Amino acid sequence: MKNWTQSRAHVTLGACVALTYVFASGALGAAPLAAFTATYSVRAGGLKVGEMTRALSLYEPAQYRFETTIESSGLLKLVRHESIQESSSGDLLGDEIRPRHYVYRRSSKSRQRETEIAFDWDKHRITTIVQGQRWEMDAMAGTLDKLVYQLVLMRDLINDKAPLVYTVADGGKLKSYEITRLGEESVEFDGAPVRTIKVAYLRQDSQRRTTLWCAPAQGYLPIQIEYREDDGGITTARLTKLVR
């Protein structure tokens, strides 16, 4: 039992990391951004393994901060307590959003991992630092980070934009994230069924798949997020509380 639990804890936390990724400048359309805090329950193998919180804050003059925090809970917390913090901050330029600083931190008793990305739009350069190692590359117009592109996705769904393709600074490279529409589906939230638009991102280099159920009534905020691993393991985050 101990070995199974430790293995499941390791795999599940990796899936929790992926959940944070699901969700120059990106077009945001006409609707204004609104601050919110969303709380999700994270489950795997029928067990609650963590809680995820996402919050968007808006500041003057025309700045944003988008944050995600994941804390292990239940059996996973007893075996291997870890936390993940991810944030994106930058500028709101009319109907566009432009990241300037992205930070990812994953911590436990035994190890720490940190990634930092700086966007210098004056010099059109992106600098990535992972565990002290540094990479630089040219910044293409429209480049986003791995967190804030989800805000752009929400706004693009509001505007019924197609195709849903985003250039993202990821791992010291520029990668193309292509989101596929999978139709409509009802998901329960707060004791009632909610209409959602189902979309998915399938990584080009593996069978990993991230699926989001985005609710039009909530500005296309994901009500449910599912991460499927190469080995078929599934981790799911479901919205439990939303404050605007």
C-alpha atoms as a PDB file:
ATOM      1  CA  MET A   1       0.000   0.000   0.000  1.00  0.00           C
ATOM      2  CA  LYS A   2       2.795   2.411   0.808  1.00  0.00           C
ATOM      3  CA  ASN A   3       4.533   1.968  -2.541  1.00  0.00           C
ATOM      4  CA  TRP A   4       1.260   2.411  -4.466  1.00  0.00           C
ATOM      5  CA  THR A   5       0.436   5.540  -2.521  1.00  0.00           C
ATOM      6  CA  GLN A   6       3.819   7.135  -3.106  1.00  0.00           C
ATOM      7  CA  SER A   7       3.639   6.336  -6.827  1.00  0.00           C
ATOM      8  CA  ARG A   8       0.107   7.728  -7.116  1.00  0.00           C
ATOM      9  CA  ALA A   9       1.150  10.871  -5.240  1.00  0.00           C
ATOM     10  CA  HIS A  10       3.980  11.487  -7.679  1.00  0.00           C
ATOM     11  CA  VAL A  11       1.856  10.902 -10.783  1.00  0.00           C
ATOM     12  CA  THR A  12      -1.071  12.923  -9.480  1.00  0.00           C
ATOM     13  CA  LEU A  13       1.011  15.972  -8.659  1.00  0.00           C
ATOM     14  CA  GLY A  14       2.443  15.895 -12.163  1.00  0.00           C
ATOM     15  CA  ALA A  15      -1.101  15.952 -13.478  1.00  0.00           C
ATOM     16  CA  CYS A  16      -1.922  18.879 -11.191  1.00  0.00           C
ATOM     17  CA  VAL A  17       0.984  20.745 -12.792  1.00  0.00           C
ATOM     18  CA  ALA A  18      -0.554  20.153 -16.209  1.00  0.00           C
ATOM     19  CA  LEU A  19      -3.890  21.487 -15.001  1.00  0.00           C
ATOM     20  CA  THR A  20      -2.293  24.874 -14.471  1.00  0.00           C
ATOM     21  CA  TYR A  21      -1.366  25.065 -18.163  1.00  0.00           C
ATOM     22  CA  VAL A  22      -4.695  24.457 -19.653  1.00  0.00           C
ATOM     23  CA  PHE A  23      -5.769  27.357 -18.292  1.00  0.00           C
ATOM     24  CA  ALA A  24       4.011  40.759 -27.807  1.00  0.00           C
ATOM     25  CA  SER A  25       0.002  40.546 -27.229  1.00  0.00           C
ATOM     26  CA  GLY A  26      -3.120  38.485 -27.609  1.00  0.00           C
ATOM     27  CA  ALA A  27      -6.424  39.809 -28.889  1.00  0.00           C
ATOM     28  CA  LEU A  28      -9.118  39.943 -26.204  1.00  0.00           C
ATOM     29  CA  GLY A  29     -12.095  41.285 -28.084  1.00  0.00           C
ATOM     30  CA  ALA A  30     -14.579  43.894 -26.884  1.00  0.00           C
ATOM     31  CA  ALA A  31     -15.768  42.508 -23.527  1.00  0.00           C
ATOM     32  CA  PRO A  32     -13.834  43.927 -20.550  1.00  0.00           C
ATOM     33  CA  LEU A  33     -11.909  41.677 -18.191  1.00  0.00           C
ATOM     34  CA  ALA A  34     -13.502  41.194 -14.754  1.00  0.00           C
ATOM     35  CA  ALA A  35     -11.644  40.150 -11.610  1.00  0.00           C
ATOM     36  CA  PHE A  36     -12.562  36.762 -10.118  1.00  0.00           C
ATOM     37  CA  THR A  37     -11.435  34.020  -7.732  1.00  0.00           C
ATOM     38  CA  ALA A  38     -12.267  30.412  -8.609  1.00  0.00           C
ATOM     39  CA  THR A  39     -11.717  27.369  -6.383  1.00  0.00           C
ATOM     40  CA  TYR A  40     -11.492  23.817  -7.746  1.00  0.00           C
ATOM     41  CA  SER A  41     -11.420  20.388  -6.107  1.00  0.00           C
ATOM     42  CA  VAL A  42      -8.756  18.137  -7.671  1.00  0.00           C
ATOM     43  CA  ARG A  43      -9.409  14.391  -7.751  1.00  0.00           C
ATOM     44  CA  ALA A  44      -7.612  11.295  -9.070  1.00  0.00           C
ATOM     45  CA  GLY A  45      -8.448   7.622  -8.727  1.00  0.00           C
ATOM     46  CA  GLY A  46     -11.670   8.486  -6.909  1.00  0.00           C
ATOM     47  CA  LEU A  47      -9.820  10.431  -4.201  1.00  0.00           C
ATOM     48  CA  LYS A  48      -9.493  14.144  -3.513  1.00  0.00           C
ATOM     49  CA  VAL A  49      -5.795  14.936  -3.851  1.00  0.00           C
ATOM     50  CA  GLY A  50      -5.694  18.734  -3.848  1.00  0.00           C
ATOM     51  CA  GLU A  51      -7.349  22.112  -4.180  1.00  0.00           C
ATOM     52  CA  MET A  52      -6.671  24.622  -6.926  1.00  0.00           C
ATOM     53  CA  THR A  53      -7.356  28.363  -6.746  1.00  0.00           C
ATOM     54  CA  ARG A  54      -7.245  30.744  -9.702  1.00  0.00           C
ATOM     55  CA  ALA A  55      -7.524  34.509  -9.292  1.00  0.00           C
ATOM     56  CA  LEU A  56      -7.480  37.430 -11.701  1.00  0.00           C
ATOM     57  CA  SER A  57      -6.693  40.874 -10.249  1.00  0.00           C
ATOM     58  CA  LEU A  58      -6.793  44.149 -12.165  1.00  0.00           C
ATOM     59  CA  TYR A  59      -4.756  47.269 -11.321  1.00  0.00           C
ATOM     60  CA  GLU A  60      -4.362  50.817 -12.552  1.00  0.00           C
ATOM     61  CA  PRO A  61      -3.027  51.856 -14.948  1.00  0.00           C
ATOM     62  CA  ALA A  62      -4.218  48.963 -17.135  1.00  0.00           C
ATOM     63  CA  GLN A  63      -2.334  46.080 -15.530  1.00  0.00           C
ATOM     64  CA  TYR A  64      -3.307  42.534 -14.606  1.00  0.00           C
ATOM     65  CA  ARG A  65      -2.105  39.681 -12.408  1.00  0.00           C
ATOM     66  CA  PHE A  66      -3.352  36.123 -13.006  1.00  0.00           C
ATOM     67  CA  GLU A  67      -2.433  33.493 -10.385  1.00  0.00           C
ATOM     68  CA  THR A  68      -2.917  29.773  -9.830  1.00  0.00           C
ATOM     69  CA  THR A  69      -2.144  27.918  -6.595  1.00  0.00           C
ATOM     70  CA  ILE A  70      -2.404  24.163  -6.029  1.00  0.00           C
ATOM     71  CA  GLU A  71      -2.067  22.624  -2.567  1.00  0.00           C
ATOM     72  CA  SER A  72      -2.082  18.874  -1.964  1.00  0.00           C
ATOM     73  CA  SER A  73      -4.703  17.544   0.442  1.00  0.00           C
ATOM     74  CA  GLY A  74      -6.041  14.308   1.899  1.00  0.00           C
ATOM     75  CA  LEU A  75      -3.923  11.187   1.415  1.00  0.00           C
ATOM     76  CA  LEU A  76      -1.527  12.947  -0.944  1.00  0.00           C
ATOM     77  CA  LYS A  77      -0.794  15.611   1.667  1.00  0.00           C
ATOM     78  CA  LEU A  78       0.020  12.943   4.256  1.00  0.00           C
ATOM     79  CA  VAL A  79       2.419  11.153   1.908  1.00  0.00           C
ATOM     80  CA  ARG A  80       3.999  13.986  -0.034  1.00  0.00           C
ATOM     81  CA  HIS A  81       2.959  17.539   0.757  1.00  0.00           C
ATOM     82  CA  GLU A  82       3.698  19.794  -2.193  1.00  0.00           C
ATOM     83  CA  SER A  83       2.487  23.119  -3.513  1.00  0.00           C
ATOM     84  CA  ILE A  84       2.511  24.789  -6.920  1.00  0.00           C
ATOM     85  CA  GLN A  85       2.340  28.526  -7.491  1.00  0.00           C
ATOM     86  CA  GLU A  86       2.092  30.069 -10.939  1.00  0.00           C
ATOM     87  CA  SER A  87       1.571  33.691 -11.907  1.00  0.00           C
ATOM     88  CA  SER A  88       1.449  35.933 -14.956  1.00  0.00           C
ATOM     89  CA  SER A  89       1.517  39.733 -14.822  1.00  0.00           C
ATOM     90  CA  GLY A  90       1.552  42.349 -17.527  1.00  0.00           C
ATOM     91  CA  ASP A  91      -0.273  45.112 -19.358  1.00  0.00           C
ATOM     92  CA  LEU A  92      -3.760  45.561 -20.792  1.00  0.00           C
ATOM     93  CA  LEU A  93      -3.448  47.500 -24.027  1.00  0.00           C
ATOM     94  CA  GLY A  94      -6.930  48.359 -25.200  1.00  0.00           C
ATOM     95  CA  ASP A  95      -8.386  45.033 -26.334  1.00  0.00           C
ATOM     96  CA  GLU A  96      -5.056  43.221 -25.955  1.00  0.00           C
ATOM     97  CA  ILE A  97      -3.108  41.618 -23.161  1.00  0.00           C
ATOM     98  CA  ARG A  98       0.693  41.565 -23.043  1.00  0.00           C
ATOM     99  CA  PRO A  99       2.599  39.468 -20.478  1.00  0.00           C
ATOM    100  CA  ARG A 100       5.737  40.911 -18.907  1.00  0.00           C
ATOM    101  CA  HIS A 101       6.584  38.471 -16.140  1.00  0.00           C
ATOM    102  CA  TYR A 102       5.753  34.789 -15.631  1.00  0.00           C
ATOM    103  CA  VAL A 103       6.780  32.704 -12.593  1.00  0.00           C
ATOM    104  CA  TYR A 104       6.259  29.019 -11.793  1.00  0.00           C
ATOM    105  CA  ARG A 105       7.277  27.510  -8.437  1.00  0.00           C
ATOM    106  CA  ARG A 106       6.851  23.933  -7.282  1.00  0.00           C
ATOM    107  CA  SER A 107       7.978  23.104  -3.763  1.00  0.00           C
ATOM    108  CA  SER A 108       8.092  20.147  -1.406  1.00  0.00           C
ATOM    109  CA  LYS A 109      10.168  19.032   1.546  1.00  0.00           C
ATOM    110  CA  SER A 110      12.721  17.387  -0.739  1.00  0.00           C
ATOM    111  CA  ARG A 111      13.007  19.686  -3.751  1.00  0.00           C
ATOM    112  CA  GLN A 112      12.257  23.060  -5.284  1.00  0.00           C
ATOM    113  CA  ARG A 113      11.725  23.924  -8.931  1.00  0.00           C
ATOM    114  CA  GLU A 114      11.384  27.414 -10.359  1.00  0.00           C
ATOM    115  CA  THR A 115      10.886  28.843 -13.836  1.00  0.00           C
ATOM    116  CA  GLU A 116      10.855  32.559 -14.632  1.00  0.00           C
ATOM    117  CA  ILE A 117      10.130  34.225 -17.973  1.00  0.00           C
ATOM    118  CA  ALA A 118      10.696  37.936 -18.671  1.00  0.00           C
ATOM    119  CA  PHE A 119       9.156  39.581 -21.761  1.00  0.00           C
ATOM    120  CA  ASP A 120      11.061  42.673 -22.950  1.00  0.00           C
ATOM    121  CA  TRP A 121       8.786  44.104 -25.611  1.00  0.00           C
ATOM    122  CA  ASP A 122      11.003  47.168 -26.194  1.00  0.00           C
ATOM    123  CA  LYS A 123      13.855  44.890 -27.302  1.00  0.00           C
ATOM    124  CA  HIS A 124      11.560  42.129 -28.597  1.00  0.00           C
ATOM    125  CA  ARG A 125      13.337  39.539 -26.445  1.00  0.00           C
ATOM    126  CA  ILE A 126      12.144  36.788 -24.127  1.00  0.00           C
ATOM    127  CA  THR A 127      14.427  35.506 -21.339  1.00  0.00           C
ATOM    128  CA  THR A 128      13.699  32.169 -19.657  1.00  0.00           C
ATOM    129  CA  ILE A 129      15.485  31.038 -16.482  1.00  0.00           C
ATOM    130  CA  VAL A 130      14.988  27.466 -15.231  1.00  0.00           C
ATOM    131  CA  GLN A 131      16.875  26.379 -12.122  1.00  0.00           C
ATOM    132  CA  GLY A 132      19.528  29.024 -12.833  1.00  0.00           C
ATOM    133  CA  GLN A 133      19.950  28.122 -16.517  1.00  0.00           C
ATOM    134  CA  ARG A 134      19.196  30.978 -18.917  1.00  0.00           C
ATOM    135  CA  TRP A 135      17.843  31.047 -22.490  1.00  0.00           C
ATOM    136  CA  GLU A 136      17.003  33.993 -24.731  1.00  0.00           C
ATOM    137  CA  MET A 137      14.942  34.162 -27.896  1.00  0.00           C
ATOM    138  CA  ASP A 138      13.191  36.672 -30.122  1.00  0.00           C
ATOM    139  CA  ALA A 139       9.673  37.710 -29.138  1.00  0.00           C
ATOM    140  CA  MET A 140       7.091  37.281 -31.870  1.00  0.00           C
ATOM    141  CA  ALA A 141       4.016  39.506 -31.893  1.00  0.00           C
ATOM    142  CA  GLY A 142       1.195  37.795 -30.012  1.00  0.00           C
ATOM    143  CA  THR A 143       3.418  35.592 -27.831  1.00  0.00           C
ATOM    144  CA  LEU A 144       1.819  34.612 -24.506  1.00  0.00           C
ATOM    145  CA  ASP A 145       2.907  32.670 -21.439  1.00  0.00           C
ATOM    146  CA  LYS A 146       1.585  29.263 -20.349  1.00  0.00           C
ATOM    147  CA  LEU A 147      -0.959  30.725 -17.946  1.00  0.00           C
ATOM    148  CA  VAL A 148      -2.357  33.912 -19.453  1.00  0.00           C
ATOM    149  CA  TYR A 149      -3.206  32.319 -22.805  1.00  0.00           C
ATOM    150  CA  GLN A 150      -6.189  30.796 -21.000  1.00  0.00           C
ATOM    151  CA  LEU A 151      -7.671  34.267 -20.479  1.00  0.00           C
ATOM    152  CA  VAL A 152      -7.280  34.880 -24.203  1.00  0.00           C
ATOM    153  CA  LEU A 153      -8.960  31.529 -24.881  1.00  0.00           C
ATOM    154  CA  MET A 154     -11.948  32.537 -22.725  1.00  0.00           C
ATOM    155  CA  ARG A 155     -12.336  35.820 -24.612  1.00  0.00           C
ATOM    156  CA  ASP A 156     -11.923  34.121 -27.992  1.00  0.00           C
ATOM    157  CA  LEU A 157     -14.726  31.710 -27.090  1.00  0.00           C
ATOM    158  CA  ILE A 158     -16.928  34.687 -26.187  1.00  0.00           C
ATOM    159  CA  ASN A 159     -16.233  36.128 -29.652  1.00  0.00           C
ATOM    160  CA  ASP A 160     -16.644  32.734 -31.366  1.00  0.00           C
ATOM    161  CA  LYS A 161     -13.181  33.112 -32.855  1.00  0.00           C
ATOM    162  CA  ALA A 162     -11.610  30.406 -35.015  1.00  0.00           C
ATOM    163  CA  PRO A 163      -9.109  28.870 -35.182  1.00  0.00           C
ATOM    164  CA  LEU A 164      -8.062  28.787 -31.514  1.00  0.00           C
ATOM    165  CA  VAL A 165      -4.278  28.818 -31.946  1.00  0.00           C
ATOM    166  CA  TYR A 166      -1.797  30.536 -29.605  1.00  0.00           C
ATOM    167  CA  THR A 167       1.963  31.149 -29.669  1.00  0.00           C
ATOM    168  CA  VAL A 168       3.284  30.366 -26.187  1.00  0.00           C
ATOM    169  CA  ALA A 169       6.731  30.752 -24.597  1.00  0.00           C
ATOM    170  CA  ASP A 170       7.277  27.253 -23.208  1.00  0.00           C
ATOM    171  CA  GLY A 171      10.538  25.599 -22.136  1.00  0.00           C
ATOM    172  CA  GLY A 172      12.807  28.156 -23.791  1.00  0.00           C
ATOM    173  CA  LYS A 173      10.975  27.757 -27.114  1.00  0.00           C
ATOM    174  CA  LEU A 174       7.984  29.224 -28.914  1.00  0.00           C
ATOM    175  CA  LYS A 175       5.279  26.570 -29.233  1.00  0.00           C
ATOM    176  CA  SER A 176       1.928  26.554 -30.978  1.00  0.00           C
ATOM    177  CA  TYR A 177      -1.034  25.598 -28.787  1.00  0.00           C
ATOM    178  CA  GLU A 178      -3.980  24.556 -30.954  1.00  0.00           C
ATOM    179  CA  ILE A 179      -7.297  24.149 -29.159  1.00  0.00           C
ATOM    180  CA  THR A 180      -9.989  21.899 -30.687  1.00  0.00           C
ATOM    181  CA  ARG A 181     -13.736  22.443 -30.158  1.00  0.00           C
ATOM    182  CA  LEU A 182     -15.599  19.276 -29.142  1.00  0.00           C
ATOM    183  CA  GLY A 183     -19.182  20.538 -28.979  1.00  0.00           C
ATOM    184  CA  GLU A 184     -21.518  21.214 -26.035  1.00  0.00           C
ATOM    185  CA  GLU A 185     -21.934  19.248 -22.801  1.00  0.00           C
ATOM    186  CA  SER A 186     -23.739  19.744 -19.491  1.00  0.00           C
ATOM    187  CA  VAL A 187     -21.633  19.782 -16.281  1.00  0.00           C
ATOM    188  CA  GLU A 188     -22.978  20.134 -12.745  1.00  0.00           C
ATOM    189  CA  PHE A 189     -21.990  23.193 -10.685  1.00  0.00           C
ATOM    190  CA  ASP A 190     -23.530  24.373  -7.427  1.00  0.00           C
ATOM    191  CA  GLY A 191     -26.152  21.622  -7.571  1.00  0.00           C
ATOM    192  CA  ALA A 192     -27.429  22.443 -11.057  1.00  0.00           C
ATOM    193  CA  PRO A 193     -26.506  21.454 -14.634  1.00  0.00           C
ATOM    194  CA  VAL A 194     -24.538  24.099 -16.515  1.00  0.00           C
ATOM    195  CA  ARG A 195     -24.183  24.331 -20.306  1.00  0.00           C
ATOM    196  CA  THR A 196     -20.546  24.247 -21.368  1.00  0.00           C
ATOM    197  CA  ILE A 197     -18.455  24.335 -24.526  1.00  0.00           C
ATOM    198  CA  LYS A 198     -15.980  21.456 -24.495  1.00  0.00           C
ATOM    199  CA  VAL A 199     -12.493  22.133 -25.886  1.00  0.00           C
ATOM    200  CA  ALA A 200      -9.235  20.190 -25.793  1.00  0.00           C
ATOM    201  CA  TYR A 201      -5.492  20.627 -26.236  1.00  0.00           C
ATOM    202  CA  LEU A 202      -3.544  17.588 -27.443  1.00  0.00           C
ATOM    203  CA  ARG A 203       0.222  17.838 -27.138  1.00  0.00           C
ATOM    204  CA  GLN A 204       2.042  17.235 -30.408  1.00  0.00           C
ATOM    205  CA  ASP A 205       4.828  15.174 -28.812  1.00  0.00           C
ATOM    206  CA  SER A 206       2.718  12.751 -26.723  1.00  0.00           C
ATOM    207  CA  GLN A 207      -0.753  11.361 -26.042  1.00  0.00           C
ATOM    208  CA  ARG A 208      -1.325  13.740 -23.140  1.00  0.00           C
ATOM    209  CA  ARG A 209      -4.608  15.558 -23.469  1.00  0.00           C
ATOM    210  CA  THR A 210      -6.117  18.466 -21.536  1.00  0.00           C
ATOM    211  CA  THR A 211      -9.886  18.956 -21.840  1.00  0.00           C
ATOM    212  CA  LEU A 212     -11.809  21.988 -20.577  1.00  0.00           C
ATOM    213  CA  TRP A 213     -15.542  22.462 -20.095  1.00  0.00           C
ATOM    214  CA  CYS A 214     -16.050  26.254 -20.423  1.00  0.00           C
ATOM    215  CA  ALA A 215     -19.326  27.815 -19.271  1.00  0.00           C
ATOM    216  CA  PRO A 216     -20.762  30.645 -21.430  1.00  0.00           C
ATOM    217  CA  ALA A 217     -22.830  31.867 -18.443  1.00  0.00           C
ATOM    218  CA  GLN A 218     -19.583  32.407 -16.503  1.00  0.00           C
ATOM    219  CA  GLY A 219     -17.631  34.157 -19.253  1.00  0.00           C
ATOM    220  CA  TYR A 220     -16.330  30.779 -20.510  1.00  0.00           C
ATOM    221  CA  LEU A 221     -14.489  30.102 -17.262  1.00  0.00           C
ATOM    222  CA  PRO A 222     -13.649  26.359 -17.137  1.00  0.00           C
ATOM    223  CA  ILE A 223     -16.159  24.569 -14.879  1.00  0.00           C
ATOM    224  CA  GLN A 224     -14.202  21.339 -15.219  1.00  0.00           C
ATOM    225  CA  ILE A 225     -10.655  20.516 -16.352  1.00  0.00           C
ATOM    226  CA  GLU A 226      -9.463  16.993 -17.134  1.00  0.00           C
ATOM    227  CA  TYR A 227      -5.873  15.901 -17.703  1.00  0.00           C
ATOM    228  CA  ARG A 228      -5.232  12.502 -19.296  1.00  0.00           C
ATOM    229  CA  GLU A 229      -1.704  11.095 -19.077  1.00  0.00           C
ATOM    230  CA  ASP A 230       0.184   8.902 -21.552  1.00  0.00           C
ATOM    231  CA  ASP A 231      -0.567   5.837 -19.394  1.00  0.00           C
ATOM    232  CA  GLY A 232      -4.308   6.585 -19.301  1.00  0.00           C
ATOM    233  CA  GLY A 233      -4.345   8.071 -15.788  1.00  0.00           C
ATOM    234  CA  ILE A 234      -6.894  10.874 -15.340  1.00  0.00           C
ATOM    235  CA  THR A 235      -6.879  13.838 -12.968  1.00  0.00           C
ATOM    236  CA  THR A 236      -9.927  16.119 -12.818  1.00  0.00           C
ATOM    237  CA  ALA A 237     -10.472  19.597 -11.327  1.00  0.00           C
ATOM    238  CA  ARG A 238     -14.064  20.710 -10.740  1.00  0.00           C
ATOM    239  CA  LEU A 239     -15.181  24.223  -9.854  1.00  0.00           C
ATOM    240  CA  THR A 240     -16.599  24.398  -6.320  1.00  0.00           C
ATOM    241  CA  LYS A 241     -16.722  28.167  -5.676  1.00  0.00           C
ATOM    242  CA  LEU A 242     -16.651  31.313  -7.790  1.00  0.00           C
ATOM    243  CA  VAL A 243     -16.353  34.873  -6.442  1.00  0.00           C
ATOM    244  CA  ARG A 244     -16.532  37.910  -8.738  1.00  0.00           C
END
